[in-house]
């Protein structure tokens, strides 16, 4: 499983009938994801001030678009990036983040 962190607003503006990520892909060529172990780092780096945060659990085996692991220049860690819309069949769960 890989994970995509999002706010409720991001979910609303990117949610479609069969896929997720419409507005996000207008800004970048891929959707940012992480492993379960990387979630705390992503929250600290990008979502420290978020009042409400959600975690999307994605089964990468069911994705119908390309997934690449790429190195982040800041952390030097490899992160999964999804190059295209996430098909809803690959989304296993979206739940509120609880520490």
C-alpha atoms as a PDB file:
ATOM      1  CA  UNK A   1       0.000   0.000   0.000  1.00  0.00           C
ATOM      2  CA  UNK A   2       0.993   3.595  -0.604  1.00  0.00           C
ATOM      3  CA  UNK A   3      -0.565   6.693   0.918  1.00  0.00           C
ATOM      4  CA  UNK A   4      -1.671  10.121  -0.287  1.00  0.00           C
ATOM      5  CA  UNK A   5      -2.259  12.840   2.314  1.00  0.00           C
ATOM      6  CA  UNK A   6      -4.996  15.357   1.701  1.00  0.00           C
ATOM      7  CA  UNK A   7      -7.272  17.907   3.304  1.00  0.00           C
ATOM      8  CA  UNK A   8     -11.073  17.701   2.963  1.00  0.00           C
ATOM      9  CA  UNK A   9     -10.934  20.660   0.525  1.00  0.00           C
ATOM     10  CA  UNK A  10      -8.377  18.863  -1.642  1.00  0.00           C
ATOM     11  CA  UNK A  11     -10.629  15.809  -1.697  1.00  0.00           C
ATOM     12  CA  UNK A  12     -13.607  17.906  -2.861  1.00  0.00           C
ATOM     13  CA  UNK A  13     -11.759  19.656  -5.684  1.00  0.00           C
ATOM     14  CA  UNK A  14     -10.093  16.478  -6.973  1.00  0.00           C
ATOM     15  CA  UNK A  15     -12.847  13.913  -6.590  1.00  0.00           C
ATOM     16  CA  UNK A  16     -14.540  12.648  -9.734  1.00  0.00           C
ATOM     17  CA  UNK A  17     -16.988   9.834 -10.454  1.00  0.00           C
ATOM     18  CA  UNK A  18     -14.306   7.261 -11.341  1.00  0.00           C
ATOM     19  CA  UNK A  19     -10.958   8.913 -10.568  1.00  0.00           C
ATOM     20  CA  UNK A  20      -9.184  11.260  -8.147  1.00  0.00           C
ATOM     21  CA  UNK A  21      -6.608  13.975  -8.849  1.00  0.00           C
ATOM     22  CA  UNK A  22      -8.069  16.300 -11.495  1.00  0.00           C
ATOM     23  CA  UNK A  23      -7.032  19.681 -10.033  1.00  0.00           C
ATOM     24  CA  UNK A  24      -3.710  18.431  -8.668  1.00  0.00           C
ATOM     25  CA  UNK A  25      -2.572  17.218 -12.082  1.00  0.00           C
ATOM     26  CA  UNK A  26      -3.149  20.719 -13.474  1.00  0.00           C
ATOM     27  CA  UNK A  27      -0.292  21.916 -11.244  1.00  0.00           C
ATOM     28  CA  UNK A  28       2.172  19.004 -11.454  1.00  0.00           C
ATOM     29  CA  UNK A  29       2.637  15.958 -13.682  1.00  0.00           C
ATOM     30  CA  UNK A  30       2.200  13.495 -10.818  1.00  0.00           C
ATOM     31  CA  UNK A  31       0.409  12.921  -7.511  1.00  0.00           C
ATOM     32  CA  UNK A  32       2.600  12.790  -4.420  1.00  0.00           C
ATOM     33  CA  UNK A  33       2.407   9.665  -2.278  1.00  0.00           C
ATOM     34  CA  UNK A  34       4.441   8.064   0.464  1.00  0.00           C
ATOM     35  CA  UNK A  35       4.923   4.855   2.382  1.00  0.00           C
ATOM     36  CA  UNK A  36       3.310   4.342   5.766  1.00  0.00           C
ATOM     37  CA  UNK A  37       6.647   5.014   7.468  1.00  0.00           C
ATOM     38  CA  UNK A  38       7.017   8.338   5.630  1.00  0.00           C
ATOM     39  CA  UNK A  39       3.651   9.754   6.740  1.00  0.00           C
ATOM     40  CA  UNK A  40       5.017  11.576   9.847  1.00  0.00           C
ATOM     41  CA  UNK A  41       7.739  13.237   7.748  1.00  0.00           C
ATOM     42  CA  UNK A  42       5.216  14.419   5.127  1.00  0.00           C
ATOM     43  CA  UNK A  43       2.885  15.778   7.799  1.00  0.00           C
ATOM     44  CA  UNK A  44       5.705  17.679   9.482  1.00  0.00           C
ATOM     45  CA  UNK A  45       7.047  19.062   6.201  1.00  0.00           C
ATOM     46  CA  UNK A  46       3.820  19.981   4.395  1.00  0.00           C
ATOM     47  CA  UNK A  47       0.832  19.754   6.740  1.00  0.00           C
ATOM     48  CA  UNK A  48       2.061  20.973  10.139  1.00  0.00           C
ATOM     49  CA  UNK A  49      -0.623  23.676  10.222  1.00  0.00           C
ATOM     50  CA  UNK A  50      -3.473  21.623   8.771  1.00  0.00           C
ATOM     51  CA  UNK A  51      -6.540  21.618  10.999  1.00  0.00           C
ATOM     52  CA  UNK A  52      -7.920  18.465   9.427  1.00  0.00           C
ATOM     53  CA  UNK A  53      -5.968  15.861   7.503  1.00  0.00           C
ATOM     54  CA  UNK A  54      -6.992  12.671   5.755  1.00  0.00           C
ATOM     55  CA  UNK A  55      -5.055   9.657   4.537  1.00  0.00           C
ATOM     56  CA  UNK A  56      -5.897   7.907   1.284  1.00  0.00           C
ATOM     57  CA  UNK A  57      -4.757   4.289   1.209  1.00  0.00           C
ATOM     58  CA  UNK A  58      -3.974   3.128  -2.329  1.00  0.00           C
ATOM     59  CA  UNK A  59      -3.316  -0.387  -3.584  1.00  0.00           C
ATOM     60  CA  UNK A  60      -0.560   0.241  -6.104  1.00  0.00           C
ATOM     61  CA  UNK A  61      -1.173  -3.168  -7.693  1.00  0.00           C
ATOM     62  CA  UNK A  62      -4.594  -1.965  -8.911  1.00  0.00           C
ATOM     63  CA  UNK A  63      -3.488   1.439 -10.288  1.00  0.00           C
ATOM     64  CA  UNK A  64      -4.137   1.809 -13.990  1.00  0.00           C
ATOM     65  CA  UNK A  65      -1.454   4.485 -14.503  1.00  0.00           C
ATOM     66  CA  UNK A  66       2.306   4.624 -14.042  1.00  0.00           C
ATOM     67  CA  UNK A  67       3.847   4.629 -10.557  1.00  0.00           C
ATOM     68  CA  UNK A  68       7.472   5.726 -10.187  1.00  0.00           C
ATOM     69  CA  UNK A  69       9.634   5.836  -7.087  1.00  0.00           C
ATOM     70  CA  UNK A  70      11.659   9.037  -7.279  1.00  0.00           C
ATOM     71  CA  UNK A  71      14.183  10.673  -4.970  1.00  0.00           C
ATOM     72  CA  UNK A  72      13.159  13.902  -3.257  1.00  0.00           C
ATOM     73  CA  UNK A  73      16.018  16.426  -3.543  1.00  0.00           C
ATOM     74  CA  UNK A  74      15.428  17.790  -0.020  1.00  0.00           C
ATOM     75  CA  UNK A  75      15.165  14.609   2.046  1.00  0.00           C
ATOM     76  CA  UNK A  76      17.106  12.348  -0.362  1.00  0.00           C
ATOM     77  CA  UNK A  77      14.411   9.709   0.238  1.00  0.00           C
ATOM     78  CA  UNK A  78      12.554   7.845  -2.476  1.00  0.00           C
ATOM     79  CA  UNK A  79       8.819   8.586  -2.711  1.00  0.00           C
ATOM     80  CA  UNK A  80       6.119   7.011  -4.885  1.00  0.00           C
ATOM     81  CA  UNK A  81       4.656   9.320  -7.517  1.00  0.00           C
ATOM     82  CA  UNK A  82       1.523   8.492  -9.505  1.00  0.00           C
ATOM     83  CA  UNK A  83       1.617   9.773 -13.086  1.00  0.00           C
ATOM     84  CA  UNK A  84      -2.065  10.183 -13.831  1.00  0.00           C
ATOM     85  CA  UNK A  85      -5.448  10.059 -12.161  1.00  0.00           C
ATOM     86  CA  UNK A  86      -5.992   7.531  -9.387  1.00  0.00           C
ATOM     87  CA  UNK A  87      -8.709   5.091 -10.377  1.00  0.00           C
ATOM     88  CA  UNK A  88     -11.216   4.727  -7.547  1.00  0.00           C
ATOM     89  CA  UNK A  89     -10.885   0.932  -7.610  1.00  0.00           C
ATOM     90  CA  UNK A  90      -7.307   1.374  -6.318  1.00  0.00           C
ATOM     91  CA  UNK A  91      -8.433   3.547  -3.385  1.00  0.00           C
ATOM     92  CA  UNK A  92      -8.940   1.179  -0.488  1.00  0.00           C
ATOM     93  CA  UNK A  93      -9.842   3.734   2.166  1.00  0.00           C
ATOM     94  CA  UNK A  94      -9.885   7.438   2.983  1.00  0.00           C
ATOM     95  CA  UNK A  95      -9.820   8.098   6.691  1.00  0.00           C
ATOM     96  CA  UNK A  96      -9.066  10.969   9.068  1.00  0.00           C
ATOM     97  CA  UNK A  97      -5.471  11.122  10.251  1.00  0.00           C
ATOM     98  CA  UNK A  98      -5.098  10.297  13.906  1.00  0.00           C
ATOM     99  CA  UNK A  99      -1.683  10.366  15.440  1.00  0.00           C
END
